[in-house]
């Protein structure tokens, strides 16, 4: 599932909670689903953050190597 789809599902759950559309049993099920969606979103964001940091680190190492090589 894509990040955007998970966020859309979370927003739909929140809307149903706020409007009182969920009975107690449905609410419990939706909260479990929301917990899984939140974890998935957090994991995707963490992975993306790590990838960006890695790419930035590689570029900065490359840039420093070129800069000091010219000296």
PDB file of N, CA and C in Angstrom:
ATOM      1  N   UNK A   1       0.841  -1.178   0.000  1.00  0.00           N
ATOM      2  CA  UNK A   1       0.000   0.000   0.000  1.00  0.00           C
ATOM      3  C   UNK A   1       0.886   1.241   0.000  1.00  0.00           C
ATOM      4  N   UNK A   2       0.489   2.213  -0.781  1.00  0.00           N
ATOM      5  CA  UNK A   2       1.235   3.457  -0.844  1.00  0.00           C
ATOM      6  C   UNK A   2       0.937   4.315   0.382  1.00  0.00           C
ATOM      7  N   UNK A   3       1.889   5.166   0.708  1.00  0.00           N
ATOM      8  CA  UNK A   3       1.775   6.062   1.862  1.00  0.00           C
ATOM      9  C   UNK A   3       0.502   6.907   1.768  1.00  0.00           C
ATOM     10  N   UNK A   4       0.255   7.472   0.590  1.00  0.00           N
ATOM     11  CA  UNK A   4      -0.903   8.345   0.405  1.00  0.00           C
ATOM     12  C   UNK A   4      -2.209   7.596   0.645  1.00  0.00           C
ATOM     13  N   UNK A   5      -2.269   6.338   0.230  1.00  0.00           N
ATOM     14  CA  UNK A   5      -3.470   5.531   0.449  1.00  0.00           C
ATOM     15  C   UNK A   5      -3.688   5.281   1.941  1.00  0.00           C
ATOM     16  N   UNK A   6      -2.613   5.008   2.654  1.00  0.00           N
ATOM     17  CA  UNK A   6      -2.713   4.769   4.093  1.00  0.00           C
ATOM     18  C   UNK A   6      -3.191   6.025   4.812  1.00  0.00           C
ATOM     19  N   UNK A   7      -2.662   7.186   4.422  1.00  0.00           N
ATOM     20  CA  UNK A   7      -3.084   8.440   5.038  1.00  0.00           C
ATOM     21  C   UNK A   7      -4.562   8.699   4.743  1.00  0.00           C
ATOM     22  N   UNK A   8      -4.985   8.422   3.522  1.00  0.00           N
ATOM     23  CA  UNK A   8      -6.396   8.619   3.167  1.00  0.00           C
ATOM     24  C   UNK A   8      -7.297   7.716   4.009  1.00  0.00           C
ATOM     25  N   UNK A   9      -6.868   6.477   4.230  1.00  0.00           N
ATOM     26  CA  UNK A   9      -7.648   5.569   5.065  1.00  0.00           C
ATOM     27  C   UNK A   9      -7.702   6.064   6.513  1.00  0.00           C
ATOM     28  N   UNK A  10      -6.576   6.562   7.017  1.00  0.00           N
ATOM     29  CA  UNK A  10      -6.553   7.120   8.370  1.00  0.00           C
ATOM     30  C   UNK A  10      -7.496   8.320   8.486  1.00  0.00           C
ATOM     31  N   UNK A  11      -7.478   9.174   7.482  1.00  0.00           N
ATOM     32  CA  UNK A  11      -8.366  10.339   7.500  1.00  0.00           C
ATOM     33  C   UNK A  11      -9.828   9.913   7.486  1.00  0.00           C
ATOM     34  N   UNK A  12     -10.147   8.868   6.734  1.00  0.00           N
ATOM     35  CA  UNK A  12     -11.521   8.362   6.688  1.00  0.00           C
ATOM     36  C   UNK A  12     -11.938   7.804   8.045  1.00  0.00           C
ATOM     37  N   UNK A  13     -11.041   7.105   8.704  1.00  0.00           N
ATOM     38  CA  UNK A  13     -11.335   6.574  10.040  1.00  0.00           C
ATOM     39  C   UNK A  13     -11.607   7.716  11.012  1.00  0.00           C
ATOM     40  N   UNK A  14     -10.768   8.737  10.978  1.00  0.00           N
ATOM     41  CA  UNK A  14     -10.947   9.887  11.868  1.00  0.00           C
ATOM     42  C   UNK A  14     -12.297  10.553  11.599  1.00  0.00           C
ATOM     43  N   UNK A  15     -12.644  10.734  10.323  1.00  0.00           N
ATOM     44  CA  UNK A  15     -13.927  11.345   9.982  1.00  0.00           C
ATOM     45  C   UNK A  15     -15.099  10.544  10.560  1.00  0.00           C
ATOM     46  N   UNK A  16     -15.036   9.212  10.398  1.00  0.00           N
ATOM     47  CA  UNK A  16     -16.115   8.366  10.920  1.00  0.00           C
ATOM     48  C   UNK A  16     -16.173   8.428  12.440  1.00  0.00           C
ATOM     49  N   UNK A  17     -15.020   8.540  13.080  1.00  0.00           N
ATOM     50  CA  UNK A  17     -15.005   8.664  14.542  1.00  0.00           C
ATOM     51  C   UNK A  17     -15.617   9.999  14.974  1.00  0.00           C
ATOM     52  N   UNK A  18     -15.231  11.064  14.283  1.00  0.00           N
ATOM     53  CA  UNK A  18     -15.708  12.398  14.651  1.00  0.00           C
ATOM     54  C   UNK A  18     -17.208  12.577  14.425  1.00  0.00           C
ATOM     55  N   UNK A  19     -17.735  11.890  13.417  1.00  0.00           N
ATOM     56  CA  UNK A  19     -19.167  12.036  13.113  1.00  0.00           C
ATOM     57  C   UNK A  19     -20.021  11.034  13.881  1.00  0.00           C
ATOM     58  N   UNK A  20     -19.373  10.158  14.635  1.00  0.00           N
ATOM     59  CA  UNK A  20     -20.132   9.190  15.427  1.00  0.00           C
ATOM     60  C   UNK A  20     -20.727   8.055  14.623  1.00  0.00           C
ATOM     61  N   UNK A  21     -20.175   7.788  13.440  1.00  0.00           N
ATOM     62  CA  UNK A  21     -20.687   6.727  12.576  1.00  0.00           C
ATOM     63  C   UNK A  21     -20.365   5.324  13.093  1.00  0.00           C
ATOM     64  N   UNK A  22     -19.416   5.220  13.998  1.00  0.00           N
ATOM     65  CA  UNK A  22     -18.939   3.909  14.430  1.00  0.00           C
ATOM     66  C   UNK A  22     -19.558   3.507  15.762  1.00  0.00           C
ATOM     67  N   UNK A  23     -20.074   2.274  15.799  1.00  0.00           N
ATOM     68  CA  UNK A  23     -20.509   1.750  17.093  1.00  0.00           C
ATOM     69  C   UNK A  23     -19.283   1.205  17.815  1.00  0.00           C
ATOM     70  N   UNK A  24     -19.452   0.744  19.020  1.00  0.00           N
ATOM     71  CA  UNK A  24     -18.315   0.336  19.850  1.00  0.00           C
ATOM     72  C   UNK A  24     -17.484  -0.771  19.197  1.00  0.00           C
ATOM     73  N   UNK A  25     -18.146  -1.778  18.636  1.00  0.00           N
ATOM     74  CA  UNK A  25     -17.405  -2.872  17.985  1.00  0.00           C
ATOM     75  C   UNK A  25     -16.640  -2.371  16.767  1.00  0.00           C
ATOM     76  N   UNK A  26     -17.294  -1.557  15.959  1.00  0.00           N
ATOM     77  CA  UNK A  26     -16.633  -1.005  14.770  1.00  0.00           C
ATOM     78  C   UNK A  26     -15.479  -0.092  15.168  1.00  0.00           C
ATOM     79  N   UNK A  27     -15.687   0.658  16.228  1.00  0.00           N
ATOM     80  CA  UNK A  27     -14.647   1.572  16.695  1.00  0.00           C
ATOM     81  C   UNK A  27     -13.386   0.806  17.085  1.00  0.00           C
ATOM     82  N   UNK A  28     -13.561  -0.296  17.803  1.00  0.00           N
ATOM     83  CA  UNK A  28     -12.407  -1.106  18.208  1.00  0.00           C
ATOM     84  C   UNK A  28     -11.673  -1.644  16.985  1.00  0.00           C
ATOM     85  N   UNK A  29     -12.422  -2.133  15.994  1.00  0.00           N
ATOM     86  CA  UNK A  29     -11.804  -2.652  14.771  1.00  0.00           C
ATOM     87  C   UNK A  29     -11.075  -1.560  14.001  1.00  0.00           C
ATOM     88  N   UNK A  30     -11.704  -0.397  13.908  1.00  0.00           N
ATOM     89  CA  UNK A  30     -11.086   0.716  13.180  1.00  0.00           C
ATOM     90  C   UNK A  30      -9.838   1.232  13.887  1.00  0.00           C
ATOM     91  N   UNK A  31      -9.847   1.217  15.210  1.00  0.00           N
ATOM     92  CA  UNK A  31      -8.654   1.646  15.949  1.00  0.00           C
ATOM     93  C   UNK A  31      -7.490   0.690  15.721  1.00  0.00           C
ATOM     94  N   UNK A  32      -7.779  -0.612  15.664  1.00  0.00           N
ATOM     95  CA  UNK A  32      -6.720  -1.590  15.364  1.00  0.00           C
ATOM     96  C   UNK A  32      -6.167  -1.357  13.965  1.00  0.00           C
ATOM     97  N   UNK A  33      -7.073  -1.112  13.023  1.00  0.00           N
ATOM     98  CA  UNK A  33      -6.653  -0.834  11.649  1.00  0.00           C
ATOM     99  C   UNK A  33      -5.813   0.441  11.598  1.00  0.00           C
ATOM    100  N   UNK A  34      -6.250   1.462  12.328  1.00  0.00           N
ATOM    101  CA  UNK A  34      -5.521   2.730  12.350  1.00  0.00           C
ATOM    102  C   UNK A  34      -4.119   2.544  12.922  1.00  0.00           C
ATOM    103  N   UNK A  35      -3.983   1.726  13.966  1.00  0.00           N
ATOM    104  CA  UNK A  35      -2.665   1.475  14.555  1.00  0.00           C
ATOM    105  C   UNK A  35      -1.722   0.850  13.530  1.00  0.00           C
ATOM    106  N   UNK A  36      -2.235  -0.092  12.757  1.00  0.00           N
ATOM    107  CA  UNK A  36      -1.413  -0.734  11.720  1.00  0.00           C
ATOM    108  C   UNK A  36      -1.032   0.264  10.633  1.00  0.00           C
ATOM    109  N   UNK A  37      -1.982   1.094  10.241  1.00  0.00           N
ATOM    110  CA  UNK A  37      -1.708   2.097   9.209  1.00  0.00           C
ATOM    111  C   UNK A  37      -0.681   3.116   9.695  1.00  0.00           C
ATOM    112  N   UNK A  38      -0.801   3.544  10.943  1.00  0.00           N
ATOM    113  CA  UNK A  38       0.158   4.497  11.508  1.00  0.00           C
ATOM    114  C   UNK A  38       1.555   3.899  11.536  1.00  0.00           C
ATOM    115  N   UNK A  39       1.663   2.649  11.943  1.00  0.00           N
ATOM    116  CA  UNK A  39       2.973   1.977  11.972  1.00  0.00           C
ATOM    117  C   UNK A  39       3.560   1.898  10.571  1.00  0.00           C
ATOM    118  N   UNK A  40       2.724   1.539   9.592  1.00  0.00           N
ATOM    119  CA  UNK A  40       3.197   1.434   8.221  1.00  0.00           C
ATOM    120  C   UNK A  40       3.698   2.801   7.724  1.00  0.00           C
ATOM    121  N   UNK A  41       2.932   3.858   8.001  1.00  0.00           N
ATOM    122  CA  UNK A  41       3.333   5.202   7.580  1.00  0.00           C
ATOM    123  C   UNK A  41       4.638   5.616   8.253  1.00  0.00           C
ATOM    124  N   UNK A  42       4.734   5.360   9.549  1.00  0.00           N
ATOM    125  CA  UNK A  42       5.944   5.716  10.285  1.00  0.00           C
ATOM    126  C   UNK A  42       7.150   4.962   9.730  1.00  0.00           C
ATOM    127  N   UNK A  43       6.982   3.675   9.452  1.00  0.00           N
ATOM    128  CA  UNK A  43       8.075   2.880   8.894  1.00  0.00           C
ATOM    129  C   UNK A  43       8.512   3.410   7.533  1.00  0.00           C
ATOM    130  N   UNK A  44       7.533   3.766   6.686  1.00  0.00           N
ATOM    131  CA  UNK A  44       7.877   4.301   5.364  1.00  0.00           C
ATOM    132  C   UNK A  44       8.608   5.638   5.485  1.00  0.00           C
ATOM    133  N   UNK A  45       8.157   6.487   6.390  1.00  0.00           N
ATOM    134  CA  UNK A  45       8.825   7.774   6.582  1.00  0.00           C
ATOM    135  C   UNK A  45      10.243   7.591   7.118  1.00  0.00           C
ATOM    136  N   UNK A  46      10.407   6.669   8.048  1.00  0.00           N
ATOM    137  CA  UNK A  46      11.735   6.396   8.607  1.00  0.00           C
ATOM    138  C   UNK A  46      12.673   5.880   7.517  1.00  0.00           C
ATOM    139  N   UNK A  47      12.186   4.956   6.701  1.00  0.00           N
ATOM    140  CA  UNK A  47      13.005   4.399   5.621  1.00  0.00           C
ATOM    141  C   UNK A  47      13.391   5.490   4.621  1.00  0.00           C
ATOM    142  N   UNK A  48      12.438   6.323   4.258  1.00  0.00           N
ATOM    143  CA  UNK A  48      12.715   7.405   3.312  1.00  0.00           C
ATOM    144  C   UNK A  48      13.730   8.381   3.892  1.00  0.00           C
ATOM    145  N   UNK A  49      13.577   8.712   5.168  1.00  0.00           N
ATOM    146  CA  UNK A  49      14.521   9.607   5.839  1.00  0.00           C
ATOM    147  C   UNK A  49      15.929   9.028   5.815  1.00  0.00           C
ATOM    148  N   UNK A  50      16.048   7.739   6.098  1.00  0.00           N
ATOM    149  CA  UNK A  50      17.363   7.088   6.088  1.00  0.00           C
ATOM    150  C   UNK A  50      17.970   7.096   4.696  1.00  0.00           C
ATOM    151  N   UNK A  51      17.147   6.858   3.670  1.00  0.00           N
ATOM    152  CA  UNK A  51      17.645   6.875   2.289  1.00  0.00           C
ATOM    153  C   UNK A  51      18.139   8.268   1.899  1.00  0.00           C
ATOM    154  N   UNK A  52      17.394   9.282   2.295  1.00  0.00           N
ATOM    155  CA  UNK A  52      17.799  10.660   1.980  1.00  0.00           C
ATOM    156  C   UNK A  52      19.106  11.000   2.682  1.00  0.00           C
ATOM    157  N   UNK A  53      19.210  10.658   3.954  1.00  0.00           N
ATOM    158  CA  UNK A  53      20.447  10.929   4.692  1.00  0.00           C
ATOM    159  C   UNK A  53      21.630  10.206   4.060  1.00  0.00           C
ATOM    160  N   UNK A  54      21.419   8.969   3.646  1.00  0.00           N
ATOM    161  CA  UNK A  54      22.492   8.187   3.014  1.00  0.00           C
ATOM    162  C   UNK A  54      22.946   8.856   1.714  1.00  0.00           C
ATOM    163  N   UNK A  55      21.983   9.281   0.899  1.00  0.00           N
ATOM    164  CA  UNK A  55      22.331   9.938  -0.365  1.00  0.00           C
ATOM    165  C   UNK A  55      23.058  11.256  -0.118  1.00  0.00           C
ATOM    166  N   UNK A  56      22.585  12.008   0.855  1.00  0.00           N
ATOM    167  CA  UNK A  56      23.249  13.282   1.178  1.00  0.00           C
ATOM    168  C   UNK A  56      24.670  13.031   1.684  1.00  0.00           C
ATOM    169  N   UNK A  57      24.837  12.008   2.513  1.00  0.00           N
ATOM    170  CA  UNK A  57      26.158  11.681   3.046  1.00  0.00           C
ATOM    171  C   UNK A  57      27.102  11.296   1.916  1.00  0.00           C
ATOM    172  N   UNK A  58      26.624  10.471   0.990  1.00  0.00           N
ATOM    173  CA  UNK A  58      27.471  10.058  -0.129  1.00  0.00           C
ATOM    174  C   UNK A  58      27.856  11.252  -0.988  1.00  0.00           C
ATOM    175  N   UNK A  59      26.897  12.149  -1.234  1.00  0.00           N
ATOM    176  CA  UNK A  59      27.205  13.331  -2.039  1.00  0.00           C
ATOM    177  C   UNK A  59      28.192  14.233  -1.324  1.00  0.00           C
ATOM    178  N   UNK A  60      28.020  14.412  -0.019  1.00  0.00           N
ATOM    179  CA  UNK A  60      28.934  15.297   0.712  1.00  0.00           C
ATOM    180  C   UNK A  60      30.333  14.684   0.774  1.00  0.00           C
ATOM    181  N   UNK A  61      30.428  13.355   0.939  1.00  0.00           N
ATOM    182  CA  UNK A  61      31.746  12.707   0.938  1.00  0.00           C
ATOM    183  C   UNK A  61      32.409  12.884  -0.421  1.00  0.00           C
ATOM    184  N   UNK A  62      31.635  12.720  -1.494  1.00  0.00           N
ATOM    185  CA  UNK A  62      32.164  12.871  -2.843  1.00  0.00           C
ATOM    186  C   UNK A  62      32.628  14.310  -3.060  1.00  0.00           C
ATOM    187  N   UNK A  63      31.811  15.269  -2.625  1.00  0.00           N
ATOM    188  CA  UNK A  63      32.156  16.679  -2.786  1.00  0.00           C
ATOM    189  C   UNK A  63      33.428  17.014  -2.016  1.00  0.00           C
ATOM    190  N   UNK A  64      33.540  16.534  -0.779  1.00  0.00           N
ATOM    191  CA  UNK A  64      34.752  16.799   0.014  1.00  0.00           C
ATOM    192  C   UNK A  64      35.983  16.166  -0.631  1.00  0.00           C
ATOM    193  N   UNK A  65      35.821  14.961  -1.155  1.00  0.00           N
ATOM    194  CA  UNK A  65      36.953  14.287  -1.802  1.00  0.00           C
ATOM    195  C   UNK A  65      37.427  15.096  -3.007  1.00  0.00           C
ATOM    196  N   UNK A  66      36.490  15.610  -3.785  1.00  0.00           N
ATOM    197  CA  UNK A  66      36.873  16.420  -4.947  1.00  0.00           C
ATOM    198  C   UNK A  66      37.528  17.726  -4.511  1.00  0.00           C
ATOM    199  N   UNK A  67      36.995  18.351  -3.495  1.00  0.00           N
ATOM    200  CA  UNK A  67      37.514  19.631  -3.037  1.00  0.00           C
ATOM    201  C   UNK A  67      38.940  19.476  -2.538  1.00  0.00           C
ATOM    202  N   UNK A  68      39.217  18.480  -1.727  1.00  0.00           N
ATOM    203  CA  UNK A  68      40.563  18.321  -1.175  1.00  0.00           C
ATOM    204  C   UNK A  68      41.534  17.736  -2.171  1.00  0.00           C
ATOM    205  N   UNK A  69      41.037  17.095  -3.189  1.00  0.00           N
ATOM    206  CA  UNK A  69      41.907  16.559  -4.214  1.00  0.00           C
ATOM    207  C   UNK A  69      42.526  17.703  -5.024  1.00  0.00           C
ATOM    208  N   UNK A  70      41.785  18.816  -5.153  1.00  0.00           N
ATOM    209  CA  UNK A  70      42.264  19.963  -5.916  1.00  0.00           C
ATOM    210  C   UNK A  70      43.347  20.725  -5.196  1.00  0.00           C
ATOM    211  N   UNK A  71      43.436  20.571  -3.897  1.00  0.00           N
ATOM    212  CA  UNK A  71      44.422  21.339  -3.105  1.00  0.00           C
ATOM    213  C   UNK A  71      45.831  20.859  -3.344  1.00  0.00           C
TER     214      UNK A  71
END
